[in-house]
Amino acid sequence: MVLQRFLPTDERFFGYFRDAATNAADAARLLLTLVEQFDDVERRVRRLRDLEHRGDEITHQVINALNSTFVTPFDREDIRNLATALDDFVDYIEETGRRLWLYRVDQPTERAHLLARIIAEQAELIAEAVPKLEDARQHDAMLRTAVDINRLENEADDVLNHALASLYDDATDIPSLIRAIRWGELYQQLEDASDRAEDVANTLEGIVVKHA
């Protein structure tokens, strides 16, 4: 099956994916704003939750469309996997914001800033890459973007490793130990969100390679 050959009614899948990618970029930008400004935290976290719910709605739309469509633009499993990967990315972003609020963090660390910036950059690249799925002439460009998303995930790995290496250096009493444990969880959550962006990139790559 060639991607560009599909019934007109199938165009809605590409629209859903564009919406999901835009929603993910909105969530990532909001997380970055939360980490960098760190004011009005509860309101921003509630907005992140709204975006997470929006992601769930889009995923449900994709599943409902799969159940009512005979001919799809590409394999049903790939459609489901891409919808799930985009949804998971937003879920991890929202969970990071929620934990920042629940743990009553005083101020995010510089490494948290770095990880949030990486996630935001990945999300922007995803929003750029997903629309290219519709046009075979743009598939090479999309694959290059996917490589950039994966490169950023490697950067997130490096930031996490450096953060964990020195995490307990200043943990000299119980309160500082608790802070260190919580930041360890937050760093891991941020890196996990970056991993989910990589999952989106890998799914896009797999779709293109399969239908080249």
Protein backbone atom coordinates (compact mmCIF):
# COMPACT_ATOMS: atom_id res chain seq x y z
CA MET A 1 0.00 0.00 0.00
CA VAL A 2 1.27 3.48 -0.86
CA LEU A 3 0.58 6.17 1.74
CA GLN A 4 -0.80 8.75 -0.62
CA ARG A 5 -3.39 6.34 -2.02
CA PHE A 6 -6.32 6.37 0.32
CA LEU A 7 -9.99 7.13 0.28
CA PRO A 8 -10.98 10.75 1.02
CA THR A 9 -12.62 9.74 4.29
CA ASP A 10 -9.26 8.48 5.54
CA GLU A 11 -7.82 11.98 5.61
CA ARG A 12 -9.28 12.36 9.08
CA PHE A 13 -6.48 10.18 10.50
CA PHE A 14 -3.88 12.67 9.37
CA GLY A 15 -5.95 15.46 10.89
CA TYR A 16 -6.11 13.62 14.20
CA PHE A 17 -2.35 13.13 14.17
CA ARG A 18 -1.76 16.81 13.43
CA ASP A 19 -4.04 17.72 16.32
CA ALA A 20 -2.25 15.29 18.64
CA ALA A 21 1.18 16.62 17.66
CA THR A 22 0.05 20.22 18.16
CA ASN A 23 -1.41 19.29 21.54
CA ALA A 24 1.88 17.66 22.54
CA ALA A 25 3.82 20.78 21.53
CA ASP A 26 1.43 22.94 23.57
CA ALA A 27 1.95 20.69 26.60
CA ALA A 28 5.74 20.70 26.25
CA ARG A 29 5.86 24.49 25.91
CA LEU A 30 3.68 24.83 28.99
CA LEU A 31 5.95 22.50 30.97
CA LEU A 32 8.96 24.57 29.92
CA THR A 33 7.20 27.78 30.98
CA LEU A 34 6.31 26.15 34.30
CA VAL A 35 9.90 25.10 34.95
CA GLU A 36 11.49 28.38 33.83
CA GLN A 37 9.08 30.81 35.47
CA PHE A 38 7.73 28.60 38.26
CA ASP A 39 4.89 30.87 39.24
CA ASP A 40 1.16 30.19 39.40
CA VAL A 41 2.15 26.52 39.51
CA GLU A 42 -1.22 25.04 40.37
CA ARG A 43 -2.99 26.84 37.52
CA ARG A 44 -0.37 25.77 35.00
CA VAL A 45 -0.59 22.17 36.22
CA ARG A 46 -4.37 22.26 35.79
CA ARG A 47 -3.85 23.49 32.24
CA LEU A 48 -1.43 20.61 31.63
CA ARG A 49 -4.14 18.24 32.84
CA ASP A 50 -6.57 19.80 30.35
CA LEU A 51 -4.09 19.16 27.54
CA GLU A 52 -3.62 15.59 28.72
CA HIS A 53 -7.40 15.11 28.58
CA ARG A 54 -7.39 16.61 25.09
CA GLY A 55 -4.80 14.05 24.08
CA ASP A 56 -7.01 11.28 25.40
CA GLU A 57 -9.94 12.62 23.38
CA ILE A 58 -7.90 12.61 20.17
CA THR A 59 -6.75 9.05 20.83
CA HIS A 60 -10.37 7.97 21.30
CA GLN A 61 -11.25 9.65 18.02
CA VAL A 62 -8.54 7.66 16.27
CA ILE A 63 -9.74 4.37 17.76
CA ASN A 64 -13.36 5.13 16.87
CA ALA A 65 -12.32 6.00 13.32
CA LEU A 66 -10.41 2.73 13.05
CA ASN A 67 -13.53 0.84 14.09
CA SER A 68 -15.63 2.54 11.41
CA THR A 69 -13.19 2.69 8.48
CA PHE A 70 -12.61 -0.18 6.07
CA VAL A 71 -9.64 1.27 4.16
CA THR A 72 -6.97 3.12 6.16
CA PRO A 73 -4.02 5.18 4.86
CA PHE A 74 -1.56 2.74 6.42
CA ASP A 75 -1.64 -0.32 8.66
CA ARG A 76 -4.15 -0.25 11.49
CA GLU A 77 -1.51 -1.34 13.98
CA ASP A 78 0.72 1.57 12.96
CA ILE A 79 -2.16 4.02 13.29
CA ARG A 80 -2.89 2.72 16.77
CA ASN A 81 0.81 2.77 17.73
CA LEU A 82 1.30 6.35 16.57
CA ALA A 83 -1.81 7.56 18.40
CA THR A 84 -0.67 5.78 21.56
CA ALA A 85 2.89 7.12 21.33
CA LEU A 86 1.67 10.71 20.99
CA ASP A 87 -0.75 10.23 23.86
CA ASP A 88 1.93 8.70 26.10
CA PHE A 89 4.25 11.64 25.42
CA VAL A 90 1.65 14.09 26.72
CA ASP A 91 0.84 11.80 29.67
CA TYR A 92 4.47 11.89 30.83
CA ILE A 93 4.67 15.65 30.41
CA GLU A 94 1.53 16.15 32.48
CA GLU A 95 2.77 13.77 35.18
CA THR A 96 6.01 15.72 35.46
CA GLY A 97 4.13 18.95 36.05
CA ARG A 98 1.86 17.25 38.58
CA ARG A 99 4.82 15.96 40.56
CA LEU A 100 6.49 19.36 40.59
CA TRP A 101 3.34 20.69 42.24
CA LEU A 102 2.78 17.75 44.60
CA TYR A 103 6.38 17.76 45.82
CA ARG A 104 6.14 21.49 46.58
CA VAL A 105 9.42 22.19 44.85
CA ASP A 106 10.97 25.53 45.83
CA GLN A 107 12.66 26.18 42.49
CA PRO A 108 13.50 23.84 39.61
CA THR A 109 17.19 23.07 39.14
CA GLU A 110 19.28 23.94 36.11
CA ARG A 111 19.25 20.30 35.04
CA ALA A 112 15.46 20.32 35.19
CA HIS A 113 15.56 23.38 32.93
CA LEU A 114 17.81 21.54 30.49
CA LEU A 115 15.54 18.50 30.36
CA ALA A 116 12.41 20.60 29.92
CA ARG A 117 14.07 22.48 27.05
CA ILE A 118 15.00 19.20 25.38
CA ILE A 119 11.42 17.94 25.68
CA ALA A 120 10.05 21.20 24.27
CA GLU A 121 12.44 21.02 21.32
CA GLN A 122 11.48 17.40 20.67
CA ALA A 123 7.81 18.34 20.74
CA GLU A 124 8.34 21.13 18.23
CA LEU A 125 10.12 18.68 15.93
CA ILE A 126 7.26 16.19 16.30
CA ALA A 127 4.75 18.89 15.36
CA GLU A 128 6.93 19.63 12.33
CA ALA A 129 7.37 15.97 11.34
CA VAL A 130 3.85 14.56 11.69
CA PRO A 131 2.23 16.57 8.85
CA LYS A 132 4.95 15.29 6.51
CA LEU A 133 3.49 11.81 6.88
CA GLU A 134 0.80 12.78 4.37
CA ASP A 135 3.18 13.61 1.53
CA ALA A 136 5.63 11.01 0.23
CA ARG A 137 7.81 13.80 -1.16
CA GLN A 138 8.48 14.97 2.41
CA HIS A 139 9.27 11.59 3.90
CA ASP A 140 13.04 12.04 3.67
CA ALA A 141 12.74 15.34 5.51
CA MET A 142 10.56 13.67 8.12
CA LEU A 143 13.15 10.94 8.64
CA ARG A 144 15.84 13.58 9.19
CA THR A 145 13.64 15.23 11.78
CA ALA A 146 13.16 11.87 13.50
CA VAL A 147 16.94 11.53 13.74
CA ASP A 148 17.09 14.94 15.45
CA ILE A 149 14.45 13.83 17.95
CA ASN A 150 16.51 10.74 18.76
CA ARG A 151 19.67 12.85 19.13
CA LEU A 152 17.89 15.02 21.67
CA GLU A 153 16.87 11.94 23.63
CA ASN A 154 20.54 11.00 23.85
CA GLU A 155 21.22 14.46 25.25
CA ALA A 156 18.50 13.91 27.84
CA ASP A 157 20.19 10.64 28.84
CA ASP A 158 23.45 12.52 29.40
CA VAL A 159 21.75 15.18 31.52
CA LEU A 160 20.05 12.50 33.63
CA ASN A 161 23.29 10.60 34.18
CA HIS A 162 25.14 13.73 35.33
CA ALA A 163 22.23 14.70 37.58
CA LEU A 164 22.09 11.29 39.24
CA ALA A 165 25.87 11.16 39.69
CA SER A 166 25.85 14.16 42.03
CA LEU A 167 22.31 13.87 43.37
CA TYR A 168 23.22 12.99 46.97
CA ASP A 169 26.37 15.08 47.32
CA ASP A 170 24.63 17.63 49.54
CA ALA A 171 22.23 15.23 51.28
CA THR A 172 23.53 15.67 54.84
CA ASP A 173 20.27 15.40 56.79
CA ILE A 174 16.77 13.94 56.43
CA PRO A 175 15.15 16.97 54.70
CA SER A 176 17.97 17.22 52.16
CA LEU A 177 17.83 13.45 51.58
CA ILE A 178 14.09 13.68 50.89
CA ARG A 179 14.72 16.53 48.43
CA ALA A 180 17.36 14.46 46.68
CA ILE A 181 15.04 11.45 46.40
CA ARG A 182 12.28 13.60 44.95
CA TRP A 183 14.58 15.25 42.45
CA GLY A 184 15.80 11.83 41.43
CA GLU A 185 12.21 10.90 40.61
CA LEU A 186 11.62 14.18 38.79
CA TYR A 187 14.76 13.86 36.68
CA GLN A 188 13.76 10.32 35.75
CA GLN A 189 10.24 11.45 34.89
CA LEU A 190 11.60 14.18 32.63
CA GLU A 191 13.94 11.75 30.90
CA ASP A 192 11.08 9.27 30.51
CA ALA A 193 9.08 11.99 28.75
CA SER A 194 12.00 12.45 26.37
CA ASP A 195 11.97 8.69 25.78
CA ARG A 196 8.32 8.89 24.80
CA ALA A 197 9.18 11.54 22.21
CA GLU A 198 11.73 9.13 20.81
CA ASP A 199 8.97 6.49 20.64
CA VAL A 200 6.96 8.85 18.43
CA ALA A 201 9.97 9.38 16.16
CA ASN A 202 10.64 5.64 15.92
CA THR A 203 6.99 4.96 15.08
CA LEU A 204 7.06 7.56 12.31
CA GLU A 205 10.25 6.04 10.93
CA GLY A 206 8.71 2.57 10.98
CA ILE A 207 5.63 3.69 9.08
CA VAL A 208 7.66 5.37 6.35
CA VAL A 209 10.09 2.49 5.95
CA LYS A 210 7.28 -0.06 5.80
CA HIS A 211 5.36 1.82 3.11
CA ALA A 212 8.27 3.24 1.11
